[in-house]
Amino acid sequence: MSRLLVYMVLWFGLFSGVRSWGQTIEGGGVYLETGARMINSLVTGNKAKEGYGIAGGDAVLLNCTVCRNFSVRELRSGVQPGDIFCANGEIVDLTAYESRTEKDAIGVVFWVNSDAFILQGRFYVMALEEALKAWGTKGVRLNGTYRDNPLQDTACYSVTAEILEKDPASEAAVYCSNYRAEGEPAGVRWCFPAGYQVMAMYVAWPAVDKTLRALKVLNPDRVIMPLEEDVYWCATTNQDVKNEDAWVINFGHPDRDSYGTAGAVQRGESTTRDKQFRVRPIFVY
């Protein structure tokens, strides 16, 4: 038997055995999202969502050995952008919400963390309302909120706190930090969304807009506002000499449909903070 054939038999034996073990324990291994690639790898002691050692989307897996799989006891599943965060802390889809006796929505999920095992920062939830506000007083120097690339900034709570400390009259920051939803559970902390989070709103717009418009019908006595084709503030400031600019995302750009997500990233821009643009509070759950 040639050396190559021996290697092939050993590799196939390893992979086949691991697959069988995965079937026995109903899970474990690796979870690959759509578009991921895993090549020439040894994987040991990892977790998967479900399945036989390897689970996930439309991914590439080549020349890999997987061993010591184990199943996941509890995993959040099924939450998607556009789902509804309710006053009792439950997250339900629109169909389930329609059947609820109590129409107690306090927000809409617009981003879901792909790391299913993280304990904090699992979802971003946007408020059902927004307002036209100015960012803040020009000339206030901030230390930790500016980014060369605002779409990398997720530090919404520390950013909001710093703005309020340095510029207590900031209309946008005050509005977001003081926002309260009807019936919201204890522990919810609203804040001014940072650059990446406003971009995530843009990306999730179709699903979120469908939910918000449905909620307006299901909750006729409440103020519920769909996202607008307009300019939205980020809490992230531009890094320049005077630090007087802050980043915005233009949801109403005329080429939005043709550009898609990549175009939306390019349409982030900075503008002086005395202007009034839209701002929507969020919280991280």
Foldseek 3Di string as FASTA:
>chain_A
DDPVVVVVVVLVVQAVVQQVVQVVQFWFAEEDEPPEEAEQEEAEDGTYQGHRRYHYDNYYYYNYGYDHTHYDPDWDDDDDFLWFQFLVRDTGHPVVCLPDPDNGTAWTWLDADPPRPDDWQGTKTWGQDKDWFFQFDFQQDFDPQADQQQLVDFPFVVLLVRCCVRTVPGGQSCCQQPDDGPSHYPPWGKTFGTRNVVLSCLQSQVSNQVNQVVSCVVCVPDRGDRDDQAKEFHSGFHDDDSRQKGKIFGSNPPCPVVCDSVVRSVRIDIDGRRGITMTIIMTID
